[in-house]
């Protein structure tokens, strides 16, 4: 059988067309009663593709006994039709009912998403791909936190590290002295946040607001955190 020779057998063809196509399979001219070789026989190979080992062995015996080609083709047709008739019926039903096909596809998509969506979320998390919607929400939260008083760290030309504490309007509340490292500056900020201005033990270079106002800003910052 070869598609290029236009002698293929469409499995979902109507029963009568299938029978006609199988009857048209080319065979040699050996008469009934003359033993026939299964080797190289397209008819036997097609039968073997559908039949069980026991059925194949029976057909091989019939070939050796000289089964007629017409009878062999009839047996091949019956065996193929037995196998594909339910499939052909279902195929025809779906071809006649495209809405049913659409329903099956939609159901399959829902089922696939129920498995794929959590798996993809786990996979994205594993490779460090953040959810953009979550990132947006996080960004909103961050901007809310920074809408009040805030510490700003920086380094001056003298090589020391400083920080400023400014209120929501950007007005300076505290100007720190210089620190040898950003870690020391960070520790001072952490102590201010946790315990208030009197916990530092040494005054800042500049307090540009009353202690009450600074303490209120620190408390507001702690509440935001």
N, C-alpha and C. Protein backbone atom coordinates (compact mmCIF):
# COMPACT_ATOMS: atom_id res chain seq x y z
N UNK A 1 0.85 -1.19 0.00
CA UNK A 1 0.00 0.00 0.00
C UNK A 1 0.89 1.24 0.00
N UNK A 2 0.49 2.25 -0.75
CA UNK A 2 1.29 3.46 -0.84
C UNK A 2 0.41 4.66 -1.12
N UNK A 3 0.60 5.73 -0.37
CA UNK A 3 -0.18 6.94 -0.59
C UNK A 3 0.14 7.56 -1.94
N UNK A 4 1.40 7.44 -2.35
CA UNK A 4 1.78 8.01 -3.64
C UNK A 4 1.07 7.32 -4.80
N UNK A 5 0.65 6.06 -4.61
CA UNK A 5 -0.09 5.33 -5.65
C UNK A 5 -1.59 5.45 -5.45
N UNK A 6 -1.99 6.26 -4.46
CA UNK A 6 -3.41 6.48 -4.18
C UNK A 6 -4.16 5.18 -3.90
N UNK A 7 -3.52 4.29 -3.16
CA UNK A 7 -4.21 3.05 -2.81
C UNK A 7 -4.16 2.79 -1.31
N UNK A 8 -4.25 3.89 -0.53
CA UNK A 8 -4.34 3.76 0.92
C UNK A 8 -5.77 3.38 1.31
N UNK A 9 -5.93 2.98 2.57
CA UNK A 9 -7.25 2.61 3.08
C UNK A 9 -7.60 3.53 4.24
N UNK A 10 -8.45 4.53 4.02
CA UNK A 10 -8.88 5.41 5.13
C UNK A 10 -9.68 4.58 6.13
N UNK A 11 -9.21 4.50 7.35
CA UNK A 11 -9.86 3.60 8.32
C UNK A 11 -11.27 4.03 8.69
N UNK A 12 -11.56 5.33 8.61
CA UNK A 12 -12.90 5.79 8.97
C UNK A 12 -13.82 5.92 7.76
N UNK A 13 -13.41 5.32 6.66
CA UNK A 13 -14.28 5.32 5.47
C UNK A 13 -15.53 4.51 5.77
N UNK A 14 -16.66 4.79 5.10
CA UNK A 14 -17.87 3.99 5.30
C UNK A 14 -17.59 2.51 5.05
N UNK A 15 -18.39 1.66 5.67
CA UNK A 15 -18.16 0.22 5.63
C UNK A 15 -18.03 -0.32 4.21
N UNK A 16 -18.93 0.08 3.35
CA UNK A 16 -18.91 -0.44 1.98
C UNK A 16 -17.69 0.05 1.21
N UNK A 17 -17.31 1.31 1.45
CA UNK A 17 -16.11 1.83 0.78
C UNK A 17 -14.87 1.10 1.29
N UNK A 18 -14.83 0.83 2.59
CA UNK A 18 -13.71 0.09 3.17
C UNK A 18 -13.59 -1.30 2.54
N UNK A 19 -14.73 -1.93 2.39
CA UNK A 19 -14.74 -3.29 1.79
C UNK A 19 -14.23 -3.24 0.35
N UNK A 20 -14.65 -2.23 -0.38
CA UNK A 20 -14.23 -2.09 -1.78
C UNK A 20 -12.73 -1.83 -1.87
N UNK A 21 -12.20 -1.00 -0.98
CA UNK A 21 -10.77 -0.68 -1.01
C UNK A 21 -9.93 -1.91 -0.67
N UNK A 22 -10.39 -2.71 0.27
CA UNK A 22 -9.65 -3.92 0.63
C UNK A 22 -9.70 -4.93 -0.51
N UNK A 23 -10.82 -4.98 -1.17
CA UNK A 23 -10.95 -5.90 -2.31
C UNK A 23 -10.00 -5.52 -3.44
N UNK A 24 -9.60 -4.22 -3.46
CA UNK A 24 -8.72 -3.75 -4.52
C UNK A 24 -7.24 -3.92 -4.22
N UNK A 25 -6.89 -4.52 -3.08
CA UNK A 25 -5.48 -4.76 -2.76
C UNK A 25 -4.89 -5.72 -3.80
N UNK A 26 -3.77 -5.35 -4.38
CA UNK A 26 -3.15 -6.17 -5.42
C UNK A 26 -2.49 -7.41 -4.82
N UNK A 27 -2.74 -8.53 -5.45
CA UNK A 27 -2.13 -9.80 -5.04
C UNK A 27 -1.57 -10.48 -6.29
N UNK A 28 -0.88 -11.59 -6.06
CA UNK A 28 -0.36 -12.33 -7.23
C UNK A 28 -1.49 -13.18 -7.84
N UNK A 29 -1.15 -13.98 -8.83
CA UNK A 29 -2.17 -14.74 -9.57
C UNK A 29 -2.32 -16.18 -9.10
N UNK A 30 -1.79 -16.51 -7.92
CA UNK A 30 -1.90 -17.87 -7.42
C UNK A 30 -3.36 -18.23 -7.16
N UNK A 31 -3.75 -19.37 -7.66
CA UNK A 31 -5.15 -19.81 -7.57
C UNK A 31 -5.44 -20.36 -6.18
N UNK A 32 -6.72 -20.46 -5.80
CA UNK A 32 -7.08 -21.09 -4.54
C UNK A 32 -6.56 -22.52 -4.48
N UNK A 33 -6.11 -22.97 -3.32
CA UNK A 33 -5.55 -24.30 -3.15
C UNK A 33 -4.04 -24.33 -3.28
N UNK A 34 -3.46 -23.24 -3.81
CA UNK A 34 -2.01 -23.16 -3.94
C UNK A 34 -1.47 -22.38 -2.74
N UNK A 35 -0.46 -22.96 -2.07
CA UNK A 35 0.11 -22.31 -0.90
C UNK A 35 0.63 -20.92 -1.23
N UNK A 36 0.43 -20.03 -0.30
CA UNK A 36 0.82 -18.64 -0.53
C UNK A 36 1.78 -18.20 0.58
N UNK A 37 2.73 -17.38 0.21
CA UNK A 37 3.77 -16.95 1.15
C UNK A 37 3.31 -15.70 1.89
N UNK A 38 3.41 -15.74 3.21
CA UNK A 38 3.04 -14.55 4.01
C UNK A 38 4.11 -13.47 3.91
N UNK A 39 5.33 -13.87 3.65
CA UNK A 39 6.44 -12.93 3.56
C UNK A 39 6.25 -12.00 2.36
N UNK A 40 6.22 -10.70 2.62
CA UNK A 40 6.07 -9.74 1.55
C UNK A 40 4.63 -9.53 1.10
N UNK A 41 3.68 -10.18 1.74
CA UNK A 41 2.27 -10.03 1.38
C UNK A 41 1.67 -8.84 2.12
N UNK A 42 1.27 -7.80 1.38
CA UNK A 42 0.67 -6.62 2.01
C UNK A 42 -0.61 -6.99 2.72
N UNK A 43 -1.38 -7.90 2.13
CA UNK A 43 -2.64 -8.32 2.73
C UNK A 43 -2.41 -8.96 4.10
N UNK A 44 -1.43 -9.85 4.17
CA UNK A 44 -1.14 -10.52 5.44
C UNK A 44 -0.58 -9.53 6.47
N UNK A 45 0.27 -8.63 6.03
CA UNK A 45 0.86 -7.66 6.95
C UNK A 45 -0.20 -6.73 7.55
N UNK A 46 -1.16 -6.33 6.72
CA UNK A 46 -2.24 -5.47 7.24
C UNK A 46 -3.08 -6.26 8.24
N UNK A 47 -3.39 -7.51 7.91
CA UNK A 47 -4.16 -8.35 8.83
C UNK A 47 -3.42 -8.49 10.17
N UNK A 48 -2.14 -8.71 10.09
CA UNK A 48 -1.31 -8.89 11.29
C UNK A 48 -1.33 -7.66 12.19
N UNK A 49 -1.46 -6.49 11.58
CA UNK A 49 -1.46 -5.24 12.35
C UNK A 49 -2.70 -5.11 13.23
N UNK A 50 -3.79 -5.78 12.86
CA UNK A 50 -5.03 -5.69 13.62
C UNK A 50 -5.31 -6.94 14.46
N UNK A 51 -4.77 -8.07 14.04
CA UNK A 51 -5.13 -9.34 14.65
C UNK A 51 -4.28 -9.65 15.88
N UNK A 52 -4.79 -10.56 16.70
CA UNK A 52 -4.03 -11.06 17.84
C UNK A 52 -3.00 -12.07 17.34
N UNK A 53 -2.03 -12.45 18.16
CA UNK A 53 -1.06 -13.47 17.74
C UNK A 53 -1.72 -14.78 17.32
N UNK A 54 -2.78 -15.17 18.03
CA UNK A 54 -3.49 -16.40 17.70
C UNK A 54 -4.18 -16.29 16.35
N UNK A 55 -4.82 -15.14 16.10
CA UNK A 55 -5.50 -14.93 14.82
C UNK A 55 -4.49 -14.88 13.68
N UNK A 56 -3.36 -14.26 13.95
CA UNK A 56 -2.31 -14.18 12.93
C UNK A 56 -1.78 -15.56 12.58
N UNK A 57 -1.59 -16.39 13.60
CA UNK A 57 -1.12 -17.76 13.36
C UNK A 57 -2.12 -18.56 12.54
N UNK A 58 -3.41 -18.35 12.81
CA UNK A 58 -4.46 -19.04 12.05
C UNK A 58 -4.44 -18.61 10.59
N UNK A 59 -4.30 -17.31 10.37
CA UNK A 59 -4.25 -16.80 9.00
C UNK A 59 -3.02 -17.34 8.27
N UNK A 60 -1.90 -17.45 8.96
CA UNK A 60 -0.68 -17.99 8.35
C UNK A 60 -0.91 -19.43 7.89
N UNK A 61 -1.64 -20.20 8.69
CA UNK A 61 -1.95 -21.58 8.30
C UNK A 61 -2.84 -21.61 7.06
N UNK A 62 -3.79 -20.69 7.01
CA UNK A 62 -4.69 -20.63 5.85
C UNK A 62 -3.90 -20.27 4.59
N UNK A 63 -2.91 -19.38 4.73
CA UNK A 63 -2.06 -19.07 3.59
C UNK A 63 -1.31 -20.32 3.12
N UNK A 64 -0.79 -21.06 4.08
CA UNK A 64 -0.04 -22.28 3.72
C UNK A 64 -0.95 -23.31 3.07
N UNK A 65 -2.25 -23.30 3.44
CA UNK A 65 -3.21 -24.26 2.88
C UNK A 65 -3.78 -23.81 1.54
N UNK A 66 -3.43 -22.59 1.14
CA UNK A 66 -3.86 -22.13 -0.18
C UNK A 66 -5.18 -21.38 -0.19
N UNK A 67 -5.46 -20.60 0.85
CA UNK A 67 -6.70 -19.81 0.88
C UNK A 67 -6.78 -18.93 -0.37
N UNK A 68 -7.97 -18.77 -0.89
CA UNK A 68 -8.16 -17.91 -2.05
C UNK A 68 -8.03 -16.44 -1.66
N UNK A 69 -7.57 -15.64 -2.61
CA UNK A 69 -7.37 -14.23 -2.29
C UNK A 69 -8.68 -13.52 -1.94
N UNK A 70 -9.73 -13.89 -2.57
CA UNK A 70 -11.03 -13.27 -2.28
C UNK A 70 -11.45 -13.54 -0.84
N UNK A 71 -11.27 -14.81 -0.42
CA UNK A 71 -11.63 -15.16 0.95
C UNK A 71 -10.70 -14.47 1.95
N UNK A 72 -9.40 -14.38 1.62
CA UNK A 72 -8.44 -13.73 2.51
C UNK A 72 -8.79 -12.25 2.67
N UNK A 73 -9.20 -11.62 1.57
CA UNK A 73 -9.58 -10.21 1.65
C UNK A 73 -10.85 -10.03 2.48
N UNK A 74 -11.77 -10.98 2.38
CA UNK A 74 -12.99 -10.91 3.17
C UNK A 74 -12.66 -11.01 4.66
N UNK A 75 -11.77 -11.91 5.01
CA UNK A 75 -11.37 -12.06 6.41
C UNK A 75 -10.66 -10.80 6.91
N UNK A 76 -9.84 -10.21 6.04
CA UNK A 76 -9.15 -8.98 6.42
C UNK A 76 -10.16 -7.87 6.66
N UNK A 77 -11.14 -7.76 5.77
CA UNK A 77 -12.16 -6.73 5.93
C UNK A 77 -12.92 -6.91 7.24
N UNK A 78 -13.35 -8.11 7.53
CA UNK A 78 -14.12 -8.36 8.74
C UNK A 78 -13.30 -8.05 9.99
N UNK A 79 -12.01 -8.40 9.92
CA UNK A 79 -11.17 -8.15 11.10
C UNK A 79 -10.95 -6.65 11.33
N UNK A 80 -10.70 -5.90 10.26
CA UNK A 80 -10.51 -4.45 10.39
C UNK A 80 -11.81 -3.78 10.84
N UNK A 81 -12.91 -4.19 10.21
CA UNK A 81 -14.19 -3.56 10.54
C UNK A 81 -14.59 -3.83 11.98
N UNK A 82 -14.29 -5.02 12.46
CA UNK A 82 -14.57 -5.36 13.86
C UNK A 82 -13.81 -4.41 14.81
N UNK A 83 -12.61 -4.08 14.41
CA UNK A 83 -11.76 -3.24 15.27
C UNK A 83 -12.17 -1.77 15.24
N UNK A 84 -12.48 -1.27 14.07
CA UNK A 84 -12.66 0.18 13.93
C UNK A 84 -14.11 0.64 13.85
N UNK A 85 -15.06 -0.28 13.76
CA UNK A 85 -16.46 0.13 13.64
C UNK A 85 -16.90 1.06 14.76
N UNK A 86 -16.60 0.76 16.05
CA UNK A 86 -16.98 1.70 17.11
C UNK A 86 -16.28 3.05 16.97
N UNK A 87 -15.03 3.02 16.56
CA UNK A 87 -14.30 4.28 16.36
C UNK A 87 -14.89 5.08 15.22
N UNK A 88 -15.25 4.37 14.15
CA UNK A 88 -15.83 5.05 12.99
C UNK A 88 -17.16 5.69 13.36
N UNK A 89 -17.93 4.99 14.17
CA UNK A 89 -19.22 5.52 14.60
C UNK A 89 -19.04 6.79 15.43
N UNK A 90 -18.08 6.74 16.33
CA UNK A 90 -17.80 7.92 17.17
C UNK A 90 -17.27 9.07 16.33
N UNK A 91 -16.39 8.76 15.40
CA UNK A 91 -15.82 9.76 14.50
C UNK A 91 -16.94 10.46 13.72
N UNK A 92 -17.85 9.67 13.18
CA UNK A 92 -18.94 10.24 12.38
C UNK A 92 -19.85 11.11 13.23
N UNK A 93 -20.08 10.67 14.47
CA UNK A 93 -20.91 11.46 15.38
C UNK A 93 -20.28 12.82 15.65
N UNK A 94 -18.98 12.82 15.89
CA UNK A 94 -18.28 14.09 16.15
C UNK A 94 -18.24 14.98 14.93
N UNK A 95 -18.07 14.39 13.76
CA UNK A 95 -18.07 15.18 12.53
C UNK A 95 -19.43 15.82 12.29
N UNK A 96 -20.48 15.14 12.71
CA UNK A 96 -21.84 15.66 12.52
C UNK A 96 -22.27 16.60 13.64
N UNK A 97 -21.49 16.65 14.72
CA UNK A 97 -21.86 17.48 15.88
C UNK A 97 -20.65 18.30 16.36
N UNK A 98 -20.32 19.36 15.63
CA UNK A 98 -19.16 20.18 16.01
C UNK A 98 -19.27 20.80 17.40
N UNK A 99 -20.52 21.02 17.88
CA UNK A 99 -20.68 21.57 19.23
C UNK A 99 -20.15 20.60 20.28
N UNK A 100 -20.31 19.32 20.00
CA UNK A 100 -19.80 18.31 20.93
C UNK A 100 -18.27 18.35 20.97
N UNK A 101 -17.66 18.56 19.82
CA UNK A 101 -16.20 18.67 19.75
C UNK A 101 -15.74 19.88 20.56
N UNK A 102 -16.45 21.01 20.39
CA UNK A 102 -16.10 22.22 21.13
C UNK A 102 -16.22 21.99 22.63
N UNK A 103 -17.28 21.30 23.04
CA UNK A 103 -17.49 21.02 24.46
C UNK A 103 -16.36 20.15 25.02
N UNK A 104 -15.94 19.15 24.25
CA UNK A 104 -14.84 18.27 24.68
C UNK A 104 -13.56 19.07 24.83
N UNK A 105 -13.29 19.95 23.87
CA UNK A 105 -12.08 20.76 23.91
C UNK A 105 -12.07 21.70 25.12
N UNK A 106 -13.22 22.30 25.40
CA UNK A 106 -13.30 23.22 26.53
C UNK A 106 -13.13 22.48 27.85
N UNK A 107 -13.74 21.31 27.94
CA UNK A 107 -13.60 20.50 29.15
C UNK A 107 -12.14 20.08 29.34
N UNK A 108 -11.51 19.71 28.24
CA UNK A 108 -10.10 19.32 28.30
C UNK A 108 -9.21 20.48 28.72
N UNK A 109 -9.54 21.68 28.23
CA UNK A 109 -8.75 22.86 28.59
C UNK A 109 -8.85 23.16 30.07
N UNK A 110 -10.07 23.04 30.63
CA UNK A 110 -10.27 23.27 32.06
C UNK A 110 -9.47 22.26 32.87
N UNK A 111 -9.54 21.01 32.45
CA UNK A 111 -8.82 19.95 33.15
C UNK A 111 -7.32 20.17 33.08
N UNK A 112 -6.84 20.57 31.89
CA UNK A 112 -5.41 20.79 31.72
C UNK A 112 -4.93 21.98 32.56
N UNK A 113 -5.73 23.05 32.59
CA UNK A 113 -5.33 24.23 33.37
C UNK A 113 -5.28 23.93 34.87
N UNK A 114 -6.20 23.05 35.34
CA UNK A 114 -6.22 22.72 36.77
C UNK A 114 -4.92 22.05 37.19
N UNK A 115 -4.26 21.39 36.26
CA UNK A 115 -2.99 20.74 36.55
C UNK A 115 -1.82 21.67 36.22
N UNK A 116 -1.92 22.34 35.07
CA UNK A 116 -0.79 23.13 34.58
C UNK A 116 -0.57 24.42 35.37
N UNK A 117 -1.67 25.08 35.79
CA UNK A 117 -1.53 26.38 36.45
C UNK A 117 -0.73 26.30 37.75
N UNK A 118 -1.10 25.40 38.69
CA UNK A 118 -0.27 25.32 39.91
C UNK A 118 1.14 24.84 39.64
N UNK A 119 1.29 23.94 38.65
CA UNK A 119 2.62 23.45 38.32
C UNK A 119 3.49 24.58 37.78
N UNK A 120 2.92 25.40 36.89
CA UNK A 120 3.67 26.50 36.32
C UNK A 120 4.02 27.54 37.38
N UNK A 121 3.12 27.74 38.34
CA UNK A 121 3.41 28.68 39.43
C UNK A 121 4.60 28.19 40.24
N UNK A 122 4.62 26.89 40.52
CA UNK A 122 5.74 26.30 41.26
C UNK A 122 7.02 26.42 40.44
N UNK A 123 6.91 26.15 39.14
CA UNK A 123 8.08 26.21 38.27
C UNK A 123 8.63 27.63 38.17
N UNK A 124 7.73 28.60 38.00
CA UNK A 124 8.17 30.00 37.91
C UNK A 124 8.86 30.44 39.20
N UNK A 125 8.30 30.00 40.34
CA UNK A 125 8.91 30.35 41.62
C UNK A 125 10.30 29.73 41.75
N UNK A 126 10.42 28.49 41.26
CA UNK A 126 11.69 27.77 41.36
C UNK A 126 12.79 28.43 40.55
N UNK A 127 12.44 29.00 39.40
CA UNK A 127 13.46 29.62 38.54
C UNK A 127 13.55 31.14 38.74
N UNK A 128 12.78 31.65 39.71
CA UNK A 128 12.91 33.07 40.04
C UNK A 128 12.11 34.01 39.17
N UNK A 129 11.07 33.51 38.50
CA UNK A 129 10.22 34.38 37.69
C UNK A 129 9.03 34.82 38.53
N UNK A 130 9.01 36.10 38.92
CA UNK A 130 7.97 36.59 39.80
C UNK A 130 6.67 36.85 39.04
N UNK A 131 5.56 36.68 39.76
CA UNK A 131 4.25 37.00 39.21
C UNK A 131 4.11 38.51 39.11
N UNK A 132 3.85 39.04 37.92
CA UNK A 132 3.80 40.49 37.71
C UNK A 132 2.67 41.14 38.50
N UNK A 133 1.54 40.42 38.62
CA UNK A 133 0.43 40.97 39.39
C UNK A 133 0.82 41.12 40.85
N UNK A 134 1.49 40.09 41.40
CA UNK A 134 1.95 40.16 42.78
C UNK A 134 2.98 41.25 42.95
N UNK A 135 3.85 41.39 41.93
CA UNK A 135 4.88 42.42 41.98
C UNK A 135 4.26 43.79 42.03
N UNK A 136 3.16 43.96 41.26
CA UNK A 136 2.46 45.24 41.26
C UNK A 136 1.89 45.55 42.63
N UNK A 137 1.28 44.51 43.25
CA UNK A 137 0.70 44.70 44.56
C UNK A 137 1.79 45.02 45.58
N UNK A 138 2.92 44.33 45.46
CA UNK A 138 4.04 44.60 46.36
C UNK A 138 4.52 46.02 46.20
N UNK A 139 4.59 46.46 44.93
CA UNK A 139 5.02 47.82 44.66
C UNK A 139 4.09 48.84 45.29
N UNK A 140 2.77 48.54 45.29
CA UNK A 140 1.81 49.44 45.91
C UNK A 140 2.05 49.53 47.40
N UNK A 141 2.29 48.36 48.01
CA UNK A 141 2.54 48.33 49.44
C UNK A 141 3.80 49.13 49.79
N UNK A 142 4.85 48.95 48.98
CA UNK A 142 6.10 49.65 49.24
C UNK A 142 5.91 51.15 49.16
N UNK A 143 5.15 51.58 48.14
CA UNK A 143 4.97 53.02 47.99
C UNK A 143 4.15 53.57 49.15
N UNK A 144 3.23 52.72 49.69
CA UNK A 144 2.44 53.16 50.85
C UNK A 144 3.35 53.33 52.06
N UNK A 145 4.28 52.36 52.22
CA UNK A 145 5.20 52.44 53.35
C UNK A 145 6.09 53.67 53.29
N UNK A 146 6.50 54.02 52.09
CA UNK A 146 7.42 55.15 51.93
C UNK A 146 6.70 56.48 51.80
N UNK A 147 5.36 56.46 52.01
CA UNK A 147 4.62 57.71 51.88
C UNK A 147 4.75 58.58 53.13
N UNK A 148 5.27 57.99 54.27
CA UNK A 148 5.45 58.75 55.49
C UNK A 148 6.91 59.13 55.69
N UNK A 149 7.32 59.19 56.99
CA UNK A 149 8.71 59.52 57.31
C UNK A 149 9.63 58.41 56.81
N UNK A 150 10.88 58.78 56.47
CA UNK A 150 11.78 57.80 55.88
C UNK A 150 13.24 58.16 56.20
N UNK A 151 14.05 57.11 56.34
CA UNK A 151 15.50 57.27 56.50
C UNK A 151 16.17 57.23 55.13
N UNK A 152 17.14 58.10 54.89
CA UNK A 152 17.87 58.11 53.64
C UNK A 152 19.37 58.02 53.95
N UNK A 153 19.99 56.96 53.46
CA UNK A 153 21.42 56.76 53.70
C UNK A 153 22.24 57.23 52.49
N UNK A 154 23.45 57.73 52.77
CA UNK A 154 24.31 58.20 51.68
C UNK A 154 25.75 58.28 52.17
N UNK A 155 26.67 58.47 51.24
CA UNK A 155 28.09 58.59 51.57
C UNK A 155 28.59 59.95 51.09
N UNK A 156 29.37 60.61 51.95
CA UNK A 156 29.89 61.93 51.60
C UNK A 156 31.32 61.82 51.05
N UNK A 157 31.85 62.94 50.59
CA UNK A 157 33.19 62.97 50.02
C UNK A 157 34.27 62.64 51.06
N UNK A 158 33.95 62.82 52.33
CA UNK A 158 34.93 62.50 53.37
C UNK A 158 35.08 61.00 53.59
N UNK A 159 34.28 60.19 52.86
CA UNK A 159 34.37 58.74 52.96
C UNK A 159 33.50 58.14 54.05
N UNK A 160 32.82 58.99 54.83
CA UNK A 160 31.96 58.50 55.90
C UNK A 160 30.52 58.30 55.40
N UNK A 161 29.79 57.54 56.17
CA UNK A 161 28.41 57.21 55.80
C UNK A 161 27.45 57.94 56.74
N UNK A 162 26.41 58.53 56.17
CA UNK A 162 25.47 59.35 56.90
C UNK A 162 24.04 58.88 56.61
N UNK A 163 23.12 59.37 57.42
CA UNK A 163 21.70 59.19 57.08
C UNK A 163 20.92 60.42 57.52
N UNK A 164 19.81 60.61 56.85
CA UNK A 164 18.87 61.66 57.21
C UNK A 164 17.53 61.01 57.53
N UNK A 165 16.81 61.63 58.44
CA UNK A 165 15.45 61.20 58.72
C UNK A 165 14.54 62.36 58.37
N UNK A 166 13.69 62.14 57.33
CA UNK A 166 12.83 63.21 56.83
C UNK A 166 11.37 62.81 56.97
N UNK A 167 10.50 63.80 57.08
CA UNK A 167 9.07 63.50 57.22
C UNK A 167 8.40 63.37 55.86
N UNK A 168 7.09 63.25 55.88
CA UNK A 168 6.34 63.01 54.64
C UNK A 168 6.50 64.15 53.64
N UNK A 169 6.79 65.35 54.13
CA UNK A 169 6.96 66.49 53.23
C UNK A 169 8.40 66.65 52.78
N UNK A 170 9.27 65.75 53.26
CA UNK A 170 10.67 65.85 52.89
C UNK A 170 11.47 66.78 53.78
N UNK A 171 10.86 67.25 54.88
CA UNK A 171 11.55 68.17 55.79
C UNK A 171 12.46 67.36 56.71
N UNK A 172 13.67 67.87 56.92
CA UNK A 172 14.68 67.17 57.71
C UNK A 172 14.29 67.16 59.18
N UNK A 173 14.31 65.96 59.77
CA UNK A 173 14.05 65.80 61.20
C UNK A 173 15.35 65.51 61.95
N UNK A 174 16.18 64.62 61.38
CA UNK A 174 17.44 64.25 62.01
C UNK A 174 18.53 64.20 60.95
N UNK A 175 19.69 64.74 61.30
CA UNK A 175 20.89 64.59 60.49
C UNK A 175 21.92 63.84 61.32
N UNK A 176 22.36 62.70 60.82
CA UNK A 176 23.27 61.87 61.61
C UNK A 176 24.71 62.36 61.52
N UNK A 177 25.57 61.97 62.47
CA UNK A 177 27.01 62.18 62.31
C UNK A 177 27.55 61.16 61.31
N UNK A 178 28.82 61.21 60.98
CA UNK A 178 29.41 60.27 60.05
C UNK A 178 29.75 58.95 60.72
N UNK A 179 29.56 57.85 59.97
CA UNK A 179 29.89 56.51 60.46
C UNK A 179 30.97 55.91 59.55
N UNK A 180 31.79 55.05 60.15
CA UNK A 180 32.88 54.44 59.41
C UNK A 180 32.41 53.46 58.33
N UNK A 181 31.23 52.91 58.52
CA UNK A 181 30.72 51.91 57.56
C UNK A 181 29.21 52.04 57.44
N UNK A 182 28.65 51.56 56.33
CA UNK A 182 27.19 51.60 56.19
C UNK A 182 26.50 50.70 57.21
N UNK A 183 27.23 49.67 57.68
CA UNK A 183 26.66 48.78 58.68
C UNK A 183 26.39 49.53 59.98
N UNK A 184 27.36 50.35 60.41
CA UNK A 184 27.19 51.12 61.64
C UNK A 184 26.04 52.13 61.50
N UNK A 185 25.93 52.73 60.33
CA UNK A 185 24.83 53.66 60.09
C UNK A 185 23.50 52.92 60.16
N UNK A 186 23.48 51.72 59.57
CA UNK A 186 22.27 50.92 59.59
C UNK A 186 21.87 50.50 60.99
N UNK A 187 22.87 50.18 61.81
CA UNK A 187 22.59 49.81 63.20
C UNK A 187 21.99 50.98 63.97
N UNK A 188 22.50 52.17 63.69
CA UNK A 188 21.96 53.36 64.36
C UNK A 188 20.51 53.60 63.96
N UNK A 189 20.22 53.41 62.70
CA UNK A 189 18.84 53.56 62.21
C UNK A 189 17.94 52.52 62.87
N UNK A 190 18.41 51.27 62.95
CA UNK A 190 17.61 50.21 63.55
C UNK A 190 17.33 50.51 65.01
N UNK A 191 18.31 51.06 65.71
CA UNK A 191 18.14 51.38 67.12
C UNK A 191 17.15 52.52 67.29
N UNK A 192 17.23 53.50 66.40
CA UNK A 192 16.26 54.60 66.43
C UNK A 192 14.84 54.10 66.22
N UNK A 193 14.67 53.23 65.24
CA UNK A 193 13.34 52.69 64.96
C UNK A 193 12.79 51.91 66.15
N UNK A 194 13.66 51.11 66.77
CA UNK A 194 13.21 50.20 67.81
C UNK A 194 13.00 50.90 69.15
N UNK A 195 13.89 51.81 69.53
CA UNK A 195 13.88 52.33 70.89
C UNK A 195 13.66 53.84 71.00
N UNK A 196 13.69 54.54 69.88
CA UNK A 196 13.50 55.98 69.96
C UNK A 196 14.82 56.72 70.06
N UNK A 197 14.76 58.03 70.02
CA UNK A 197 15.96 58.86 69.90
C UNK A 197 16.87 58.79 71.12
N UNK A 198 16.32 58.57 72.30
CA UNK A 198 17.12 58.56 73.52
C UNK A 198 17.91 57.27 73.69
N UNK A 199 17.69 56.28 72.83
CA UNK A 199 18.38 55.01 72.97
C UNK A 199 19.79 55.04 72.40
N UNK A 200 20.14 56.06 71.64
CA UNK A 200 21.44 56.09 70.97
C UNK A 200 22.59 56.39 71.92
N UNK A 201 22.33 57.08 72.98
CA UNK A 201 23.40 57.36 73.94
C UNK A 201 24.22 58.59 73.59
N UNK A 202 24.24 58.98 72.31
CA UNK A 202 24.96 60.19 71.90
C UNK A 202 24.08 60.96 70.93
N UNK A 203 24.08 62.28 71.00
CA UNK A 203 23.18 63.06 70.17
C UNK A 203 23.55 63.01 68.69
N UNK A 204 22.56 63.24 67.85
CA UNK A 204 22.79 63.39 66.42
C UNK A 204 23.42 64.75 66.17
N UNK A 205 24.02 64.92 65.02
CA UNK A 205 24.62 66.20 64.67
C UNK A 205 23.59 67.32 64.68
N UNK A 206 22.39 66.97 64.20
CA UNK A 206 21.39 68.02 64.07
C UNK A 206 20.01 67.44 64.29
N UNK A 207 19.26 68.02 65.22
CA UNK A 207 17.86 67.67 65.42
C UNK A 207 17.06 68.87 64.93
N UNK A 208 16.45 68.73 63.79
CA UNK A 208 15.77 69.86 63.17
C UNK A 208 14.30 69.93 63.54
N UNK A 209 13.91 69.20 64.58
CA UNK A 209 12.53 69.24 65.02
C UNK A 209 12.51 68.91 66.51
N UNK A 210 11.39 69.11 67.12
CA UNK A 210 11.26 68.79 68.54
C UNK A 210 11.32 67.29 68.74
N UNK A 211 11.71 66.90 69.95
CA UNK A 211 11.79 65.49 70.27
C UNK A 211 10.43 64.82 70.08
N UNK A 212 9.37 65.51 70.47
CA UNK A 212 8.02 64.96 70.34
C UNK A 212 7.67 64.67 68.88
N UNK A 213 8.03 65.61 68.01
CA UNK A 213 7.72 65.44 66.58
C UNK A 213 8.52 64.28 65.98
N UNK A 214 9.80 64.17 66.41
CA UNK A 214 10.64 63.08 65.90
C UNK A 214 10.13 61.73 66.39
N UNK A 215 9.77 61.69 67.70
CA UNK A 215 9.25 60.45 68.26
C UNK A 215 7.95 60.05 67.58
N UNK A 216 7.11 61.02 67.25
CA UNK A 216 5.85 60.73 66.57
C UNK A 216 6.12 60.16 65.18
N UNK A 217 7.11 60.71 64.49
CA UNK A 217 7.46 60.20 63.15
C UNK A 217 8.03 58.80 63.23
N UNK A 218 8.86 58.55 64.26
CA UNK A 218 9.41 57.20 64.43
C UNK A 218 8.31 56.20 64.74
N UNK A 219 7.35 56.61 65.58
CA UNK A 219 6.24 55.72 65.90
C UNK A 219 5.42 55.41 64.66
N UNK A 220 5.18 56.44 63.84
CA UNK A 220 4.44 56.24 62.59
C UNK A 220 5.19 55.25 61.67
N UNK A 221 6.50 55.38 61.63
CA UNK A 221 7.32 54.47 60.80
C UNK A 221 7.23 53.03 61.29
N UNK A 222 7.25 52.88 62.65
CA UNK A 222 7.14 51.52 63.22
C UNK A 222 5.80 50.91 62.89
N UNK A 223 4.75 51.70 62.91
CA UNK A 223 3.40 51.19 62.61
C UNK A 223 3.30 50.75 61.14
N UNK A 224 3.95 51.52 60.25
CA UNK A 224 3.96 51.14 58.83
C UNK A 224 4.71 49.85 58.61
N UNK A 225 5.81 49.67 59.34
CA UNK A 225 6.61 48.44 59.20
C UNK A 225 5.85 47.25 59.74
